[in-house]
Amino acid sequence: MVRVEVIANRSVEENILDAIRFENVGKFYTKYPNILGIGNSGPRMGDAIWPEENFIFVFWCEDEELSSIERAVAYVKKKFPNEGIKMFSLPGARIHAQIDEELAETGQTGE
């Protein structure tokens, strides 16, 4: 499995979701709204001086889906090059629920 994080300005949130849906991947995700910070595209602080905010989508996908998510994010980034769109992936991730199931099969517990 791969953990994919997409960080961008809130103004392109729907564009990113639409592009990922078009690729027919990323059906399950977690969204962190109202993310504040400073990156290469400048401050996003949600205040009177720096009013913009970011969001983060976290997708868990199989390796085969990764290129489709990359394609979707690249498409939106090309359309909106100044919106601070970034994508990170962490390959080799393992969902701990699977570990619990494997332990249960062997009669062990995770405690």
N, C-alpha and C. Protein backbone atom coordinates (compact mmCIF):
# COMPACT_ATOMS: atom_id res chain seq x y z
N MET A 1 0.84 -1.18 0.00
CA MET A 1 0.00 0.00 0.00
C MET A 1 0.88 1.24 0.00
N VAL A 2 0.28 2.32 -0.47
CA VAL A 2 0.97 3.60 -0.53
C VAL A 2 0.10 4.64 0.16
N ARG A 3 0.73 5.45 1.01
CA ARG A 3 0.04 6.60 1.59
C ARG A 3 0.38 7.79 0.71
N VAL A 4 -0.65 8.46 0.20
CA VAL A 4 -0.47 9.61 -0.67
C VAL A 4 -1.06 10.83 0.03
N GLU A 5 -0.28 11.89 0.11
CA GLU A 5 -0.75 13.15 0.67
C GLU A 5 -0.74 14.21 -0.42
N VAL A 6 -1.86 14.89 -0.58
CA VAL A 6 -1.96 16.00 -1.52
C VAL A 6 -2.25 17.24 -0.69
N ILE A 7 -1.38 18.23 -0.80
CA ILE A 7 -1.51 19.48 -0.07
C ILE A 7 -1.68 20.59 -1.09
N ALA A 8 -2.68 21.46 -0.89
CA ALA A 8 -2.90 22.54 -1.85
C ALA A 8 -3.76 23.63 -1.23
N ASN A 9 -3.82 24.74 -1.94
CA ASN A 9 -4.71 25.84 -1.56
C ASN A 9 -6.16 25.36 -1.63
N ARG A 10 -6.97 25.82 -0.70
CA ARG A 10 -8.37 25.39 -0.66
C ARG A 10 -9.14 25.72 -1.94
N SER A 11 -8.65 26.69 -2.71
CA SER A 11 -9.34 27.09 -3.93
C SER A 11 -9.38 25.99 -4.99
N VAL A 12 -8.50 25.00 -4.91
CA VAL A 12 -8.47 23.93 -5.92
C VAL A 12 -8.93 22.58 -5.39
N GLU A 13 -9.52 22.58 -4.21
CA GLU A 13 -9.95 21.32 -3.58
C GLU A 13 -10.88 20.51 -4.48
N GLU A 14 -11.92 21.13 -4.98
CA GLU A 14 -12.88 20.41 -5.83
C GLU A 14 -12.25 19.98 -7.15
N ASN A 15 -11.36 20.80 -7.68
CA ASN A 15 -10.68 20.43 -8.92
C ASN A 15 -9.87 19.15 -8.74
N ILE A 16 -9.18 19.04 -7.61
CA ILE A 16 -8.38 17.85 -7.34
C ILE A 16 -9.28 16.64 -7.17
N LEU A 17 -10.34 16.77 -6.40
CA LEU A 17 -11.26 15.63 -6.23
C LEU A 17 -11.88 15.22 -7.56
N ASP A 18 -12.28 16.19 -8.38
CA ASP A 18 -12.87 15.86 -9.69
C ASP A 18 -11.88 15.11 -10.57
N ALA A 19 -10.62 15.56 -10.58
CA ALA A 19 -9.60 14.90 -11.41
C ALA A 19 -9.33 13.49 -10.92
N ILE A 20 -9.31 13.29 -9.61
CA ILE A 20 -9.07 11.95 -9.06
C ILE A 20 -10.26 11.05 -9.34
N ARG A 21 -11.46 11.59 -9.23
CA ARG A 21 -12.66 10.79 -9.58
C ARG A 21 -12.65 10.40 -11.05
N PHE A 22 -12.21 11.33 -11.91
CA PHE A 22 -12.13 11.06 -13.34
C PHE A 22 -11.21 9.86 -13.60
N GLU A 23 -10.14 9.76 -12.84
CA GLU A 23 -9.20 8.64 -12.96
C GLU A 23 -9.75 7.36 -12.33
N ASN A 24 -10.87 7.48 -11.62
CA ASN A 24 -11.54 6.34 -10.98
C ASN A 24 -10.66 5.68 -9.92
N VAL A 25 -9.99 6.52 -9.13
CA VAL A 25 -9.16 6.06 -8.02
C VAL A 25 -9.46 6.93 -6.80
N GLY A 26 -8.83 6.61 -5.69
CA GLY A 26 -8.94 7.47 -4.52
C GLY A 26 -10.35 7.60 -3.97
N LYS A 27 -11.09 6.51 -3.99
CA LYS A 27 -12.48 6.56 -3.51
C LYS A 27 -12.56 6.82 -2.01
N PHE A 28 -11.55 6.42 -1.28
CA PHE A 28 -11.54 6.58 0.18
C PHE A 28 -10.39 7.48 0.56
N TYR A 29 -10.68 8.49 1.34
CA TYR A 29 -9.64 9.44 1.72
C TYR A 29 -10.01 10.12 3.03
N THR A 30 -9.03 10.76 3.61
CA THR A 30 -9.22 11.61 4.78
C THR A 30 -8.86 13.02 4.36
N LYS A 31 -9.67 13.98 4.80
CA LYS A 31 -9.41 15.37 4.48
C LYS A 31 -9.11 16.13 5.76
N TYR A 32 -8.01 16.86 5.74
CA TYR A 32 -7.67 17.78 6.82
C TYR A 32 -7.94 19.19 6.29
N PRO A 33 -9.01 19.83 6.73
CA PRO A 33 -9.31 21.18 6.23
C PRO A 33 -8.53 22.23 7.01
N ASN A 34 -8.49 23.42 6.47
CA ASN A 34 -7.96 24.59 7.18
C ASN A 34 -6.54 24.38 7.70
N ILE A 35 -5.65 23.97 6.83
CA ILE A 35 -4.25 23.75 7.19
C ILE A 35 -3.48 25.06 7.03
N LEU A 36 -2.74 25.43 8.05
CA LEU A 36 -1.96 26.66 8.04
C LEU A 36 -0.48 26.33 7.97
N GLY A 37 0.29 27.20 7.33
CA GLY A 37 1.72 26.98 7.28
C GLY A 37 2.39 27.84 6.23
N ILE A 38 3.68 27.62 6.07
CA ILE A 38 4.47 28.36 5.09
C ILE A 38 5.21 27.35 4.24
N GLY A 39 5.03 27.46 2.94
CA GLY A 39 5.72 26.59 2.00
C GLY A 39 6.34 27.40 0.89
N ASN A 40 6.71 26.72 -0.19
CA ASN A 40 7.34 27.40 -1.32
C ASN A 40 6.43 28.42 -1.98
N SER A 41 5.13 28.27 -1.82
CA SER A 41 4.17 29.19 -2.43
C SER A 41 3.81 30.34 -1.50
N GLY A 42 4.44 30.42 -0.35
CA GLY A 42 4.19 31.51 0.57
C GLY A 42 3.31 31.11 1.74
N PRO A 43 3.08 32.05 2.65
CA PRO A 43 2.28 31.76 3.85
C PRO A 43 0.81 31.52 3.52
N ARG A 44 0.23 30.61 4.26
CA ARG A 44 -1.21 30.35 4.25
C ARG A 44 -1.61 30.30 5.72
N MET A 45 -2.01 31.43 6.26
CA MET A 45 -2.24 31.55 7.70
C MET A 45 -3.70 31.78 8.08
N GLY A 46 -4.59 32.01 7.12
CA GLY A 46 -6.00 32.17 7.44
C GLY A 46 -6.29 33.40 8.28
N ASP A 47 -5.45 34.41 8.17
CA ASP A 47 -5.68 35.63 8.96
C ASP A 47 -5.81 36.83 8.01
N ALA A 48 -5.89 38.03 8.57
CA ALA A 48 -6.09 39.23 7.77
C ALA A 48 -4.89 39.54 6.87
N ILE A 49 -3.70 39.15 7.28
CA ILE A 49 -2.51 39.45 6.48
C ILE A 49 -2.28 38.38 5.42
N TRP A 50 -2.38 37.12 5.80
CA TRP A 50 -2.22 35.99 4.89
C TRP A 50 -3.51 35.16 4.94
N PRO A 51 -4.56 35.57 4.22
CA PRO A 51 -5.89 34.99 4.42
C PRO A 51 -6.10 33.58 3.85
N GLU A 52 -5.25 33.13 2.97
CA GLU A 52 -5.49 31.83 2.35
C GLU A 52 -5.18 30.69 3.32
N GLU A 53 -5.80 29.54 3.04
CA GLU A 53 -5.57 28.32 3.81
C GLU A 53 -5.37 27.16 2.86
N ASN A 54 -4.71 26.14 3.32
CA ASN A 54 -4.52 24.91 2.56
C ASN A 54 -5.43 23.82 3.11
N PHE A 55 -5.40 22.69 2.45
CA PHE A 55 -6.06 21.47 2.93
C PHE A 55 -5.11 20.33 2.61
N ILE A 56 -5.36 19.20 3.21
CA ILE A 56 -4.59 17.98 2.89
C ILE A 56 -5.59 16.85 2.67
N PHE A 57 -5.41 16.13 1.56
CA PHE A 57 -6.09 14.87 1.34
C PHE A 57 -5.07 13.77 1.59
N VAL A 58 -5.47 12.74 2.32
CA VAL A 58 -4.64 11.55 2.51
C VAL A 58 -5.38 10.37 1.89
N PHE A 59 -4.76 9.76 0.92
CA PHE A 59 -5.31 8.58 0.24
C PHE A 59 -4.45 7.38 0.59
N TRP A 60 -5.08 6.25 0.76
CA TRP A 60 -4.38 4.97 0.86
C TRP A 60 -4.73 4.22 -0.39
N CYS A 61 -3.73 3.78 -1.14
CA CYS A 61 -4.03 3.11 -2.40
C CYS A 61 -3.04 1.98 -2.65
N GLU A 62 -3.39 1.17 -3.60
CA GLU A 62 -2.47 0.13 -4.05
C GLU A 62 -1.45 0.78 -4.99
N ASP A 63 -0.32 0.13 -5.15
CA ASP A 63 0.75 0.67 -6.00
C ASP A 63 0.23 0.99 -7.41
N GLU A 64 -0.67 0.17 -7.91
CA GLU A 64 -1.18 0.34 -9.27
C GLU A 64 -1.97 1.65 -9.43
N GLU A 65 -2.55 2.15 -8.35
CA GLU A 65 -3.35 3.38 -8.42
C GLU A 65 -2.50 4.65 -8.34
N LEU A 66 -1.27 4.52 -7.87
CA LEU A 66 -0.45 5.69 -7.63
C LEU A 66 -0.26 6.54 -8.88
N SER A 67 0.02 5.93 -10.01
CA SER A 67 0.25 6.70 -11.23
C SER A 67 -1.01 7.45 -11.67
N SER A 68 -2.18 6.88 -11.40
CA SER A 68 -3.42 7.58 -11.75
C SER A 68 -3.63 8.81 -10.86
N ILE A 69 -3.31 8.69 -9.58
CA ILE A 69 -3.41 9.84 -8.68
C ILE A 69 -2.39 10.90 -9.09
N GLU A 70 -1.17 10.46 -9.42
CA GLU A 70 -0.15 11.41 -9.88
C GLU A 70 -0.62 12.16 -11.13
N ARG A 71 -1.23 11.44 -12.06
CA ARG A 71 -1.73 12.05 -13.29
C ARG A 71 -2.81 13.08 -12.99
N ALA A 72 -3.72 12.75 -12.08
CA ALA A 72 -4.80 13.67 -11.72
C ALA A 72 -4.25 14.94 -11.07
N VAL A 73 -3.32 14.78 -10.15
CA VAL A 73 -2.74 15.93 -9.46
C VAL A 73 -1.93 16.78 -10.44
N ALA A 74 -1.18 16.14 -11.33
CA ALA A 74 -0.39 16.88 -12.32
C ALA A 74 -1.30 17.69 -13.25
N TYR A 75 -2.44 17.12 -13.61
CA TYR A 75 -3.39 17.83 -14.47
C TYR A 75 -3.87 19.12 -13.79
N VAL A 76 -4.24 19.03 -12.53
CA VAL A 76 -4.72 20.21 -11.80
C VAL A 76 -3.58 21.21 -11.58
N LYS A 77 -2.40 20.69 -11.27
CA LYS A 77 -1.25 21.57 -11.06
C LYS A 77 -0.91 22.36 -12.33
N LYS A 78 -1.06 21.72 -13.47
CA LYS A 78 -0.81 22.41 -14.74
C LYS A 78 -1.83 23.52 -14.98
N LYS A 79 -3.08 23.26 -14.61
CA LYS A 79 -4.14 24.27 -14.76
C LYS A 79 -3.99 25.43 -13.78
N PHE A 80 -3.50 25.12 -12.58
CA PHE A 80 -3.38 26.11 -11.50
C PHE A 80 -1.95 26.08 -10.93
N PRO A 81 -0.98 26.59 -11.67
CA PRO A 81 0.42 26.45 -11.25
C PRO A 81 0.81 27.27 -10.02
N ASN A 82 0.00 28.21 -9.61
CA ASN A 82 0.36 29.08 -8.49
C ASN A 82 -0.39 28.77 -7.20
N GLU A 83 -0.99 27.60 -7.11
CA GLU A 83 -1.81 27.27 -5.94
C GLU A 83 -1.10 26.33 -4.95
N GLY A 84 0.19 26.18 -5.09
CA GLY A 84 0.97 25.43 -4.10
C GLY A 84 0.62 23.96 -4.01
N ILE A 85 0.26 23.34 -5.12
CA ILE A 85 -0.15 21.94 -5.12
C ILE A 85 1.08 21.05 -5.00
N LYS A 86 1.09 20.22 -3.96
CA LYS A 86 2.19 19.28 -3.73
C LYS A 86 1.62 17.89 -3.47
N MET A 87 2.37 16.89 -3.86
CA MET A 87 1.96 15.50 -3.62
C MET A 87 3.16 14.74 -3.07
N PHE A 88 2.91 13.97 -2.03
CA PHE A 88 3.94 13.15 -1.40
C PHE A 88 3.40 11.73 -1.30
N SER A 89 4.27 10.75 -1.46
CA SER A 89 3.82 9.37 -1.28
C SER A 89 4.84 8.61 -0.43
N LEU A 90 4.31 7.74 0.40
CA LEU A 90 5.12 6.90 1.28
C LEU A 90 4.83 5.44 0.94
N PRO A 91 5.67 4.83 0.12
CA PRO A 91 5.41 3.44 -0.26
C PRO A 91 5.71 2.47 0.87
N GLY A 92 5.16 1.29 0.73
CA GLY A 92 5.44 0.24 1.69
C GLY A 92 4.68 0.36 3.00
N ALA A 93 3.66 1.19 3.02
CA ALA A 93 2.89 1.37 4.24
C ALA A 93 2.05 0.13 4.51
N ARG A 94 1.78 -0.08 5.77
CA ARG A 94 0.97 -1.23 6.17
C ARG A 94 -0.11 -0.77 7.13
N ILE A 95 -1.31 -1.23 6.89
CA ILE A 95 -2.42 -0.88 7.76
C ILE A 95 -2.38 -1.79 8.97
N HIS A 96 -2.40 -1.21 10.15
CA HIS A 96 -2.25 -1.99 11.38
C HIS A 96 -3.41 -2.94 11.63
N ALA A 97 -4.58 -2.66 11.08
CA ALA A 97 -5.70 -3.59 11.24
C ALA A 97 -5.33 -4.94 10.63
N GLN A 98 -4.55 -4.93 9.55
CA GLN A 98 -4.11 -6.19 8.96
C GLN A 98 -3.18 -6.94 9.91
N ILE A 99 -2.37 -6.21 10.63
CA ILE A 99 -1.48 -6.84 11.60
C ILE A 99 -2.31 -7.51 12.69
N ASP A 100 -3.34 -6.81 13.18
CA ASP A 100 -4.21 -7.39 14.20
C ASP A 100 -4.88 -8.66 13.71
N GLU A 101 -5.33 -8.67 12.45
CA GLU A 101 -5.97 -9.87 11.89
C GLU A 101 -4.97 -11.03 11.82
N GLU A 102 -3.73 -10.74 11.41
CA GLU A 102 -2.72 -11.79 11.33
C GLU A 102 -2.38 -12.34 12.71
N LEU A 103 -2.31 -11.46 13.71
CA LEU A 103 -2.05 -11.93 15.07
C LEU A 103 -3.19 -12.80 15.57
N ALA A 104 -4.42 -12.40 15.27
CA ALA A 104 -5.57 -13.18 15.71
C ALA A 104 -5.55 -14.59 15.10
N GLU A 105 -5.12 -14.69 13.84
CA GLU A 105 -5.05 -15.98 13.18
C GLU A 105 -4.03 -16.91 13.87
N THR A 106 -2.99 -16.32 14.46
CA THR A 106 -1.97 -17.13 15.11
C THR A 106 -2.23 -17.31 16.60
N GLY A 107 -3.33 -16.67 17.08
CA GLY A 107 -3.65 -16.78 18.50
C GLY A 107 -2.94 -15.79 19.37
N GLN A 108 -2.19 -14.87 18.78
CA GLN A 108 -1.48 -13.86 19.54
C GLN A 108 -2.34 -12.60 19.63
N THR A 109 -1.94 -11.72 20.48
CA THR A 109 -2.62 -10.41 20.57
C THR A 109 -1.58 -9.32 20.37
N GLY A 110 -2.07 -8.17 19.99
CA GLY A 110 -1.17 -7.04 19.79
C GLY A 110 -0.93 -6.24 21.03
N GLU A 111 -1.36 -6.74 22.17
CA GLU A 111 -1.23 -5.98 23.43
C GLU A 111 0.00 -6.40 24.20
